[in-house]
Amino acid sequence: MSAQPSYEEARAELAQVVEQLEAGGASLEESLALWERGEKLATVCQTWLDGARERLDAARRTSD
């Protein structure tokens, strides 16, 4: 995976992280690592969504 995953890659990995956390059975250390990874992936997803929103807003402004 690249340094900056695509939105789809980040979302898919985030879903896997959530499933692992919900399944339980991981040690505290593993759970913390999963949580931290999930936070990073959520930030990546939000960055992609914010960028898409900005592009849509810019396109709307130019079409008005």
Protein backbone atom coordinates (compact mmCIF):
# COMPACT_ATOMS: atom_id res chain seq x y z
CA MET A 1 0.00 0.00 0.00
CA SER A 2 1.26 3.50 -0.79
CA ALA A 3 2.15 6.08 1.84
CA GLN A 4 -1.21 7.79 1.25
CA PRO A 5 -3.87 5.15 0.60
CA SER A 6 -6.84 5.92 -1.59
CA TYR A 7 -10.14 6.63 0.12
CA GLU A 8 -11.37 3.15 -0.78
CA GLU A 9 -8.24 1.46 0.58
CA ALA A 10 -8.37 3.43 3.83
CA ARG A 11 -12.10 2.78 4.27
CA ALA A 12 -11.68 -0.96 3.66
CA GLU A 13 -8.78 -1.23 6.11
CA LEU A 14 -10.68 0.83 8.67
CA ALA A 15 -13.61 -1.59 8.39
CA GLN A 16 -11.21 -4.48 9.05
CA VAL A 17 -9.76 -2.70 12.08
CA VAL A 18 -13.24 -2.12 13.49
CA GLU A 19 -14.15 -5.79 12.95
CA GLN A 20 -10.99 -6.90 14.76
CA LEU A 21 -11.67 -4.58 17.68
CA GLU A 22 -15.31 -5.66 17.92
CA ALA A 23 -14.35 -9.34 17.80
CA GLY A 24 -12.22 -8.90 20.91
CA GLY A 25 -9.60 -11.38 21.94
CA ALA A 26 -6.68 -9.06 21.23
CA SER A 27 -4.27 -8.08 23.96
CA LEU A 28 -4.36 -4.57 25.32
CA GLU A 29 -1.24 -3.68 23.32
CA GLU A 30 -2.73 -5.08 20.11
CA SER A 31 -6.02 -3.29 20.75
CA LEU A 32 -4.23 0.02 21.29
CA ALA A 33 -2.25 -0.46 18.07
CA LEU A 34 -5.46 -1.23 16.18
CA TRP A 35 -7.17 1.81 17.69
CA GLU A 36 -4.27 4.05 16.69
CA ARG A 37 -4.28 2.64 13.15
CA GLY A 38 -8.03 3.18 12.98
CA GLU A 39 -7.63 6.81 14.03
CA LYS A 40 -5.04 7.37 11.29
CA LEU A 41 -7.25 5.70 8.70
CA ALA A 42 -10.26 7.76 9.79
CA THR A 43 -8.16 10.91 9.34
CA VAL A 44 -7.15 9.78 5.84
CA CYS A 45 -10.80 9.18 4.95
CA GLN A 46 -11.84 12.57 6.33
CA THR A 47 -9.07 14.29 4.37
CA TRP A 48 -10.27 12.67 1.16
CA LEU A 49 -13.88 13.64 1.89
CA ASP A 50 -12.91 17.23 2.74
CA GLY A 51 -10.96 17.48 -0.51
CA ALA A 52 -13.89 16.13 -2.49
CA ARG A 53 -16.22 18.63 -0.82
CA GLU A 54 -13.86 21.50 -1.67
CA ARG A 55 -13.71 20.38 -5.31
CA LEU A 56 -17.49 20.17 -5.51
CA ASP A 57 -17.88 23.60 -3.95
CA ALA A 58 -15.34 25.05 -6.40
CA ALA A 59 -17.14 23.45 -9.34
CA ARG A 60 -20.46 24.87 -8.16
CA ARG A 61 -18.95 28.35 -7.83
CA THR A 62 -17.57 28.27 -11.36
CA SER A 63 -20.90 27.06 -12.80
CA ASP A 64 -22.89 29.86 -11.14
